Amino acid sequence: MSNFAQHTLESGVVVVRPTGRLNMTAARMLRQELQALVESGEKRVVVDLSGTVYIDSSGLGALISGLKIARQAGGDLRVAAPNRQAVTVLEMTNLSRVLRVHPSPEGAFGDSDGS
């Protein structure tokens, strides 16, 4: 059972959408969710942050953990639609160099999804 809204785009990319605060409690659940997705064979994952109002270091850790797991499986993880606070945190920590940020989940992997 998923703790986060999730759907699959026509291109096969799985989109996970945390909402509210991505803090220590939610980050642990997100990390587990991302790991389960990759272990089930999903290699391209987008974390849609459009519903996330705040992200702290625990949330960043969950994203980096998901990225590492996906890449070890031959895939990738991208971030879409972060708010200004999330962008600032990613830039201040230089994680924007590692976590690819995109305006929308549909374009995160450069696939055409009809959107």
N, C-alpha and C. Protein backbone atom coordinates (compact mmCIF):
# COMPACT_ATOMS: atom_id res chain seq x y z
N MET A 1 0.84 -1.19 0.00
CA MET A 1 0.00 0.00 0.00
C MET A 1 0.88 1.25 0.00
N SER A 2 0.58 2.18 -0.87
CA SER A 2 1.37 3.38 -1.03
C SER A 2 0.96 4.45 -0.02
N ASN A 3 1.96 5.16 0.50
CA ASN A 3 1.71 6.28 1.39
C ASN A 3 1.56 7.58 0.61
N PHE A 4 1.85 7.53 -0.68
CA PHE A 4 1.85 8.72 -1.51
C PHE A 4 1.04 8.46 -2.77
N ALA A 5 0.41 9.53 -3.28
CA ALA A 5 -0.28 9.41 -4.55
C ALA A 5 0.75 9.03 -5.60
N GLN A 6 0.34 8.16 -6.49
CA GLN A 6 1.29 7.69 -7.49
C GLN A 6 0.52 7.30 -8.75
N HIS A 7 1.13 7.55 -9.89
CA HIS A 7 0.57 7.12 -11.16
C HIS A 7 1.69 6.88 -12.16
N THR A 8 1.36 6.18 -13.23
CA THR A 8 2.34 5.88 -14.26
C THR A 8 1.95 6.62 -15.53
N LEU A 9 2.92 7.33 -16.09
CA LEU A 9 2.69 8.04 -17.34
C LEU A 9 2.69 7.05 -18.50
N GLU A 10 2.16 7.46 -19.65
CA GLU A 10 2.14 6.59 -20.82
C GLU A 10 3.53 6.11 -21.20
N SER A 11 4.54 6.92 -20.90
CA SER A 11 5.93 6.58 -21.22
C SER A 11 6.50 5.52 -20.28
N GLY A 12 5.75 5.15 -19.25
CA GLY A 12 6.22 4.15 -18.29
C GLY A 12 6.89 4.73 -17.07
N VAL A 13 7.05 6.04 -17.02
CA VAL A 13 7.65 6.70 -15.87
C VAL A 13 6.65 6.71 -14.72
N VAL A 14 7.12 6.33 -13.53
CA VAL A 14 6.26 6.34 -12.35
C VAL A 14 6.43 7.68 -11.64
N VAL A 15 5.31 8.31 -11.32
CA VAL A 15 5.31 9.59 -10.63
C VAL A 15 4.80 9.38 -9.21
N VAL A 16 5.60 9.81 -8.24
CA VAL A 16 5.24 9.74 -6.83
C VAL A 16 5.05 11.18 -6.36
N ARG A 17 3.94 11.45 -5.68
CA ARG A 17 3.63 12.83 -5.28
C ARG A 17 3.41 12.95 -3.78
N PRO A 18 4.49 13.29 -3.05
CA PRO A 18 4.30 13.58 -1.63
C PRO A 18 3.59 14.93 -1.47
N THR A 19 2.82 15.08 -0.40
CA THR A 19 2.15 16.35 -0.13
C THR A 19 2.46 16.80 1.28
N GLY A 20 2.32 18.11 1.48
CA GLY A 20 2.56 18.68 2.81
C GLY A 20 4.05 18.86 3.07
N ARG A 21 4.46 18.46 4.25
CA ARG A 21 5.85 18.65 4.68
C ARG A 21 6.64 17.37 4.46
N LEU A 22 7.76 17.51 3.77
CA LEU A 22 8.66 16.38 3.56
C LEU A 22 9.76 16.49 4.61
N ASN A 23 9.39 16.06 5.83
CA ASN A 23 10.28 16.13 6.98
C ASN A 23 10.69 14.72 7.41
N MET A 24 11.22 14.59 8.60
CA MET A 24 11.77 13.31 9.06
C MET A 24 10.76 12.16 8.94
N THR A 25 9.54 12.37 9.35
CA THR A 25 8.54 11.30 9.31
C THR A 25 8.18 10.92 7.88
N ALA A 26 7.85 11.91 7.07
CA ALA A 26 7.46 11.65 5.69
C ALA A 26 8.64 11.15 4.86
N ALA A 27 9.84 11.63 5.17
CA ALA A 27 11.03 11.24 4.42
C ALA A 27 11.30 9.75 4.56
N ARG A 28 11.12 9.22 5.73
CA ARG A 28 11.33 7.79 5.95
C ARG A 28 10.37 6.98 5.09
N MET A 29 9.12 7.41 5.04
CA MET A 29 8.13 6.71 4.23
C MET A 29 8.44 6.85 2.74
N LEU A 30 8.89 8.04 2.31
CA LEU A 30 9.23 8.25 0.91
C LEU A 30 10.41 7.37 0.51
N ARG A 31 11.41 7.29 1.36
CA ARG A 31 12.57 6.44 1.09
C ARG A 31 12.13 4.98 0.88
N GLN A 32 11.26 4.50 1.76
CA GLN A 32 10.76 3.12 1.65
C GLN A 32 9.96 2.94 0.37
N GLU A 33 9.15 3.93 0.03
CA GLU A 33 8.31 3.88 -1.17
C GLU A 33 9.19 3.81 -2.42
N LEU A 34 10.20 4.66 -2.49
CA LEU A 34 11.08 4.68 -3.66
C LEU A 34 11.85 3.37 -3.79
N GLN A 35 12.31 2.85 -2.67
CA GLN A 35 13.02 1.58 -2.70
C GLN A 35 12.11 0.45 -3.19
N ALA A 36 10.88 0.41 -2.70
CA ALA A 36 9.93 -0.62 -3.11
C ALA A 36 9.63 -0.52 -4.61
N LEU A 37 9.49 0.69 -5.13
CA LEU A 37 9.23 0.87 -6.55
C LEU A 37 10.36 0.30 -7.40
N VAL A 38 11.59 0.66 -7.03
CA VAL A 38 12.75 0.20 -7.80
C VAL A 38 12.89 -1.32 -7.68
N GLU A 39 12.68 -1.84 -6.48
CA GLU A 39 12.77 -3.28 -6.29
C GLU A 39 11.71 -4.04 -7.08
N SER A 40 10.58 -3.38 -7.36
CA SER A 40 9.52 -4.02 -8.15
C SER A 40 9.76 -3.89 -9.65
N GLY A 41 10.87 -3.24 -10.02
CA GLY A 41 11.23 -3.16 -11.43
C GLY A 41 11.06 -1.80 -12.08
N GLU A 42 10.56 -0.83 -11.35
CA GLU A 42 10.41 0.52 -11.91
C GLU A 42 11.78 1.20 -11.88
N LYS A 43 12.26 1.63 -13.04
CA LYS A 43 13.60 2.21 -13.10
C LYS A 43 13.61 3.71 -13.33
N ARG A 44 12.50 4.24 -13.83
CA ARG A 44 12.42 5.69 -14.06
C ARG A 44 11.33 6.24 -13.18
N VAL A 45 11.75 7.08 -12.23
CA VAL A 45 10.83 7.60 -11.22
C VAL A 45 10.96 9.12 -11.16
N VAL A 46 9.82 9.78 -11.07
CA VAL A 46 9.78 11.23 -10.86
C VAL A 46 9.10 11.49 -9.53
N VAL A 47 9.72 12.30 -8.70
CA VAL A 47 9.09 12.75 -7.46
C VAL A 47 8.52 14.14 -7.77
N ASP A 48 7.19 14.21 -7.80
CA ASP A 48 6.46 15.44 -8.10
C ASP A 48 6.28 16.21 -6.79
N LEU A 49 7.01 17.31 -6.66
CA LEU A 49 6.98 18.09 -5.43
C LEU A 49 5.95 19.23 -5.47
N SER A 50 5.05 19.21 -6.44
CA SER A 50 4.08 20.31 -6.56
C SER A 50 3.17 20.43 -5.34
N GLY A 51 2.97 19.35 -4.60
CA GLY A 51 2.12 19.39 -3.41
C GLY A 51 2.91 19.46 -2.12
N THR A 52 4.20 19.59 -2.23
CA THR A 52 5.07 19.65 -1.05
C THR A 52 5.31 21.11 -0.68
N VAL A 53 4.97 21.49 0.54
CA VAL A 53 5.10 22.88 0.95
C VAL A 53 6.43 23.17 1.64
N TYR A 54 7.10 22.12 2.13
CA TYR A 54 8.34 22.31 2.88
C TYR A 54 9.18 21.04 2.77
N ILE A 55 10.47 21.21 2.59
CA ILE A 55 11.38 20.07 2.58
C ILE A 55 12.58 20.39 3.46
N ASP A 56 12.95 19.44 4.30
CA ASP A 56 14.13 19.65 5.16
C ASP A 56 15.23 18.67 4.76
N SER A 57 16.28 18.59 5.56
CA SER A 57 17.42 17.74 5.23
C SER A 57 17.03 16.26 5.16
N SER A 58 16.07 15.85 5.96
CA SER A 58 15.60 14.46 5.90
C SER A 58 14.93 14.18 4.56
N GLY A 59 14.15 15.14 4.08
CA GLY A 59 13.51 15.00 2.77
C GLY A 59 14.54 14.93 1.66
N LEU A 60 15.57 15.78 1.75
CA LEU A 60 16.64 15.72 0.76
C LEU A 60 17.34 14.37 0.80
N GLY A 61 17.55 13.86 2.01
CA GLY A 61 18.18 12.55 2.16
C GLY A 61 17.37 11.44 1.50
N ALA A 62 16.05 11.53 1.61
CA ALA A 62 15.19 10.52 0.98
C ALA A 62 15.30 10.60 -0.53
N LEU A 63 15.36 11.81 -1.08
CA LEU A 63 15.49 11.97 -2.52
C LEU A 63 16.84 11.42 -3.01
N ILE A 64 17.91 11.72 -2.29
CA ILE A 64 19.24 11.23 -2.67
C ILE A 64 19.29 9.71 -2.55
N SER A 65 18.69 9.17 -1.51
CA SER A 65 18.63 7.72 -1.34
C SER A 65 17.89 7.07 -2.51
N GLY A 66 16.75 7.66 -2.89
CA GLY A 66 15.98 7.15 -4.02
C GLY A 66 16.77 7.22 -5.32
N LEU A 67 17.51 8.32 -5.50
CA LEU A 67 18.35 8.48 -6.68
C LEU A 67 19.41 7.40 -6.75
N LYS A 68 20.06 7.16 -5.62
CA LYS A 68 21.12 6.15 -5.56
C LYS A 68 20.56 4.76 -5.86
N ILE A 69 19.43 4.42 -5.27
CA ILE A 69 18.81 3.12 -5.49
C ILE A 69 18.43 2.95 -6.96
N ALA A 70 17.82 3.99 -7.54
CA ALA A 70 17.41 3.92 -8.95
C ALA A 70 18.62 3.76 -9.87
N ARG A 71 19.66 4.53 -9.61
CA ARG A 71 20.85 4.45 -10.47
C ARG A 71 21.56 3.11 -10.34
N GLN A 72 21.58 2.57 -9.14
CA GLN A 72 22.19 1.25 -8.95
C GLN A 72 21.43 0.17 -9.73
N ALA A 73 20.15 0.40 -9.96
CA ALA A 73 19.31 -0.55 -10.71
C ALA A 73 19.32 -0.24 -12.21
N GLY A 74 20.14 0.75 -12.62
CA GLY A 74 20.20 1.10 -14.03
C GLY A 74 19.18 2.12 -14.46
N GLY A 75 18.56 2.79 -13.50
CA GLY A 75 17.54 3.78 -13.81
C GLY A 75 17.94 5.16 -13.35
N ASP A 76 16.95 5.99 -13.08
CA ASP A 76 17.21 7.36 -12.63
C ASP A 76 15.99 7.89 -11.89
N LEU A 77 16.21 8.91 -11.09
CA LEU A 77 15.15 9.60 -10.37
C LEU A 77 15.28 11.08 -10.69
N ARG A 78 14.18 11.70 -10.99
CA ARG A 78 14.15 13.14 -11.27
C ARG A 78 13.14 13.79 -10.36
N VAL A 79 13.29 15.10 -10.18
CA VAL A 79 12.39 15.88 -9.33
C VAL A 79 11.64 16.86 -10.22
N ALA A 80 10.34 17.01 -9.98
CA ALA A 80 9.53 17.91 -10.79
C ALA A 80 8.73 18.87 -9.91
N ALA A 81 8.54 20.06 -10.44
CA ALA A 81 7.64 21.07 -9.89
C ALA A 81 7.89 21.44 -8.42
N PRO A 82 9.16 21.64 -8.04
CA PRO A 82 9.40 22.05 -6.65
C PRO A 82 8.99 23.51 -6.44
N ASN A 83 8.58 23.81 -5.20
CA ASN A 83 8.27 25.21 -4.89
C ASN A 83 9.57 25.98 -4.64
N ARG A 84 9.47 27.25 -4.39
CA ARG A 84 10.65 28.10 -4.24
C ARG A 84 11.52 27.64 -3.07
N GLN A 85 10.91 27.24 -1.96
CA GLN A 85 11.67 26.80 -0.79
C GLN A 85 12.51 25.56 -1.14
N ALA A 86 11.91 24.62 -1.85
CA ALA A 86 12.62 23.40 -2.23
C ALA A 86 13.76 23.72 -3.19
N VAL A 87 13.52 24.59 -4.15
CA VAL A 87 14.57 24.99 -5.09
C VAL A 87 15.72 25.65 -4.34
N THR A 88 15.39 26.52 -3.39
CA THR A 88 16.43 27.19 -2.60
C THR A 88 17.27 26.19 -1.83
N VAL A 89 16.62 25.23 -1.19
CA VAL A 89 17.34 24.20 -0.42
C VAL A 89 18.23 23.37 -1.35
N LEU A 90 17.71 22.98 -2.50
CA LEU A 90 18.50 22.21 -3.46
C LEU A 90 19.72 23.00 -3.94
N GLU A 91 19.51 24.28 -4.20
CA GLU A 91 20.62 25.13 -4.67
C GLU A 91 21.65 25.38 -3.56
N MET A 92 21.18 25.66 -2.35
CA MET A 92 22.10 25.94 -1.24
C MET A 92 22.98 24.73 -0.90
N THR A 93 22.45 23.54 -1.09
CA THR A 93 23.19 22.33 -0.78
C THR A 93 23.93 21.77 -2.00
N ASN A 94 23.82 22.46 -3.13
CA ASN A 94 24.39 22.02 -4.40
C ASN A 94 23.81 20.70 -4.89
N LEU A 95 22.71 20.26 -4.31
CA LEU A 95 22.08 19.03 -4.77
C LEU A 95 21.35 19.22 -6.09
N SER A 96 21.15 20.47 -6.49
CA SER A 96 20.53 20.73 -7.79
C SER A 96 21.44 20.25 -8.92
N ARG A 97 22.71 20.04 -8.64
CA ARG A 97 23.64 19.50 -9.63
C ARG A 97 23.44 18.00 -9.81
N VAL A 98 22.95 17.33 -8.77
CA VAL A 98 22.78 15.88 -8.79
C VAL A 98 21.34 15.50 -9.08
N LEU A 99 20.40 16.18 -8.44
CA LEU A 99 18.98 15.91 -8.65
C LEU A 99 18.47 16.79 -9.77
N ARG A 100 18.14 16.19 -10.89
CA ARG A 100 17.66 16.94 -12.03
C ARG A 100 16.25 17.45 -11.74
N VAL A 101 16.06 18.77 -11.81
CA VAL A 101 14.77 19.39 -11.52
C VAL A 101 14.10 19.79 -12.84
N HIS A 102 12.81 19.46 -12.95
CA HIS A 102 12.05 19.74 -14.16
C HIS A 102 10.74 20.42 -13.80
N PRO A 103 10.19 21.22 -14.72
CA PRO A 103 8.95 21.94 -14.43
C PRO A 103 7.74 21.03 -14.23
N SER A 104 7.71 19.87 -14.90
CA SER A 104 6.56 18.98 -14.76
C SER A 104 7.02 17.52 -14.82
N PRO A 105 6.26 16.62 -14.23
CA PRO A 105 6.61 15.20 -14.29
C PRO A 105 6.64 14.66 -15.72
N GLU A 106 5.74 15.17 -16.56
CA GLU A 106 5.62 14.65 -17.92
C GLU A 106 6.88 14.86 -18.75
N GLY A 107 7.61 15.92 -18.49
CA GLY A 107 8.81 16.20 -19.28
C GLY A 107 10.11 15.84 -18.59
N ALA A 108 10.04 15.23 -17.45
CA ALA A 108 11.24 14.98 -16.65
C ALA A 108 12.25 14.06 -17.34
N PHE A 109 11.77 13.14 -18.14
CA PHE A 109 12.68 12.24 -18.84
C PHE A 109 12.75 12.55 -20.34
N GLY A 110 12.16 13.67 -20.73
CA GLY A 110 12.20 14.07 -22.12
C GLY A 110 11.29 13.22 -23.01
N ASP A 111 10.43 12.43 -22.40
CA ASP A 111 9.50 11.59 -23.15
C ASP A 111 8.29 12.43 -23.55
N SER A 112 7.75 12.12 -24.65
CA SER A 112 6.49 12.76 -25.04
C SER A 112 5.37 11.91 -24.47
N ASP A 113 4.55 12.53 -23.66
CA ASP A 113 3.45 11.79 -23.00
C ASP A 113 2.10 12.34 -23.43
N GLY A 114 2.09 13.10 -24.49
CA GLY A 114 0.83 13.66 -24.93
C GLY A 114 0.37 14.82 -24.08
N SER A 115 1.20 15.25 -23.10
CA SER A 115 0.81 16.35 -22.23
C SER A 115 1.46 17.63 -22.65
